[in-house]
């Protein structure tokens, strides 16, 4: 049985849920002008995911990077 799909789904749910939390907190403490930093971090993580050989880890990095970009 392949558990990788379930793991990616649960991780995606967790990172998106955490994304809502950190966006609200960061805007509260830093203001709305901090958006370029998570955008650049997200782009960097997505570029990093292109160079990871394993498809599972690449997908997890892609979801994480997309969540950072979405939060920006």
C-alpha atoms as a PDB file:
ATOM      1  CA  UNK A   1       0.000   0.000   0.000  1.00  0.00           C
ATOM      2  CA  UNK A   2       1.245   3.471  -0.890  1.00  0.00           C
ATOM      3  CA  UNK A   3       1.088   5.930   2.000  1.00  0.00           C
ATOM      4  CA  UNK A   4       2.875   8.722   0.204  1.00  0.00           C
ATOM      5  CA  UNK A   5      -0.316  10.286  -1.186  1.00  0.00           C
ATOM      6  CA  UNK A   6      -1.928  10.330   2.246  1.00  0.00           C
ATOM      7  CA  UNK A   7       1.197  11.856   3.769  1.00  0.00           C
ATOM      8  CA  UNK A   8       1.328  14.581   1.100  1.00  0.00           C
ATOM      9  CA  UNK A   9      -2.358  15.332   1.643  1.00  0.00           C
ATOM     10  CA  UNK A  10      -2.018  15.598   5.420  1.00  0.00           C
ATOM     11  CA  UNK A  11       1.109  17.714   5.102  1.00  0.00           C
ATOM     12  CA  UNK A  12      -0.668  19.998   2.630  1.00  0.00           C
ATOM     13  CA  UNK A  13      -3.563  20.411   5.025  1.00  0.00           C
ATOM     14  CA  UNK A  14      -1.182  21.210   7.873  1.00  0.00           C
ATOM     15  CA  UNK A  15       0.979  23.701   5.984  1.00  0.00           C
ATOM     16  CA  UNK A  16      -2.049  25.530   4.557  1.00  0.00           C
ATOM     17  CA  UNK A  17      -3.612  25.702   8.034  1.00  0.00           C
ATOM     18  CA  UNK A  18      -0.357  26.984   9.466  1.00  0.00           C
ATOM     19  CA  UNK A  19      -0.215  29.521   6.600  1.00  0.00           C
ATOM     20  CA  UNK A  20      -3.429  31.166   7.784  1.00  0.00           C
ATOM     21  CA  UNK A  21      -2.007  31.447  11.291  1.00  0.00           C
ATOM     22  CA  UNK A  22       1.338  32.973  10.348  1.00  0.00           C
ATOM     23  CA  UNK A  23      -0.174  35.414   7.840  1.00  0.00           C
ATOM     24  CA  UNK A  24      -2.510  36.819  10.489  1.00  0.00           C
ATOM     25  CA  UNK A  25       0.258  37.007  13.123  1.00  0.00           C
ATOM     26  CA  UNK A  26       2.853  38.534  10.821  1.00  0.00           C
ATOM     27  CA  UNK A  27       0.445  41.197   9.582  1.00  0.00           C
ATOM     28  CA  UNK A  28      -0.492  41.985  13.171  1.00  0.00           C
ATOM     29  CA  UNK A  29       3.104  42.380  14.360  1.00  0.00           C
ATOM     30  CA  UNK A  30       4.855  43.681  11.226  1.00  0.00           C
ATOM     31  CA  UNK A  31       2.126  45.367   9.186  1.00  0.00           C
ATOM     32  CA  UNK A  32       1.133  44.713   5.624  1.00  0.00           C
ATOM     33  CA  UNK A  33       4.417  45.800   3.989  1.00  0.00           C
ATOM     34  CA  UNK A  34       6.216  42.538   4.823  1.00  0.00           C
ATOM     35  CA  UNK A  35       4.707  40.644   1.869  1.00  0.00           C
ATOM     36  CA  UNK A  36       7.832  40.585  -0.389  1.00  0.00           C
ATOM     37  CA  UNK A  37       9.765  38.416   2.063  1.00  0.00           C
ATOM     38  CA  UNK A  38       7.435  35.384   2.113  1.00  0.00           C
ATOM     39  CA  UNK A  39       6.975  35.820  -1.643  1.00  0.00           C
ATOM     40  CA  UNK A  40      10.712  35.504  -2.243  1.00  0.00           C
ATOM     41  CA  UNK A  41      10.959  32.644   0.239  1.00  0.00           C
ATOM     42  CA  UNK A  42       8.130  30.811  -1.516  1.00  0.00           C
ATOM     43  CA  UNK A  43       9.708  31.287  -4.928  1.00  0.00           C
ATOM     44  CA  UNK A  44      13.013  30.018  -3.550  1.00  0.00           C
ATOM     45  CA  UNK A  45      11.380  26.925  -2.068  1.00  0.00           C
ATOM     46  CA  UNK A  46       9.588  26.165  -5.342  1.00  0.00           C
ATOM     47  CA  UNK A  47      12.835  26.533  -7.288  1.00  0.00           C
ATOM     48  CA  UNK A  48      14.493  24.205  -4.772  1.00  0.00           C
ATOM     49  CA  UNK A  49      11.703  21.660  -5.309  1.00  0.00           C
ATOM     50  CA  UNK A  50      12.643  21.505  -8.997  1.00  0.00           C
ATOM     51  CA  UNK A  51      16.033  20.075  -8.108  1.00  0.00           C
ATOM     52  CA  UNK A  52      14.918  17.417  -5.611  1.00  0.00           C
ATOM     53  CA  UNK A  53      15.077  13.951  -7.143  1.00  0.00           C
ATOM     54  CA  UNK A  54      12.366  12.301  -5.033  1.00  0.00           C
ATOM     55  CA  UNK A  55       8.830  13.111  -6.211  1.00  0.00           C
ATOM     56  CA  UNK A  56       7.371  13.024  -2.690  1.00  0.00           C
ATOM     57  CA  UNK A  57       9.812  15.508  -1.206  1.00  0.00           C
ATOM     58  CA  UNK A  58       9.529  17.669  -4.302  1.00  0.00           C
ATOM     59  CA  UNK A  59       5.735  17.772  -3.905  1.00  0.00           C
ATOM     60  CA  UNK A  60       6.035  18.685  -0.223  1.00  0.00           C
ATOM     61  CA  UNK A  61       8.428  21.499  -1.026  1.00  0.00           C
ATOM     62  CA  UNK A  62       6.160  22.700  -3.828  1.00  0.00           C
ATOM     63  CA  UNK A  63       3.144  22.809  -1.507  1.00  0.00           C
ATOM     64  CA  UNK A  64       5.162  24.670   1.111  1.00  0.00           C
ATOM     65  CA  UNK A  65       6.431  27.210  -1.416  1.00  0.00           C
ATOM     66  CA  UNK A  66       2.960  27.742  -2.853  1.00  0.00           C
ATOM     67  CA  UNK A  67       1.597  28.306   0.654  1.00  0.00           C
ATOM     68  CA  UNK A  68       4.211  30.985   1.295  1.00  0.00           C
ATOM     69  CA  UNK A  69       3.399  32.682  -2.011  1.00  0.00           C
ATOM     70  CA  UNK A  70      -0.310  32.503  -1.266  1.00  0.00           C
ATOM     71  CA  UNK A  71       0.317  34.065   2.142  1.00  0.00           C
ATOM     72  CA  UNK A  72       2.216  36.919   0.568  1.00  0.00           C
END
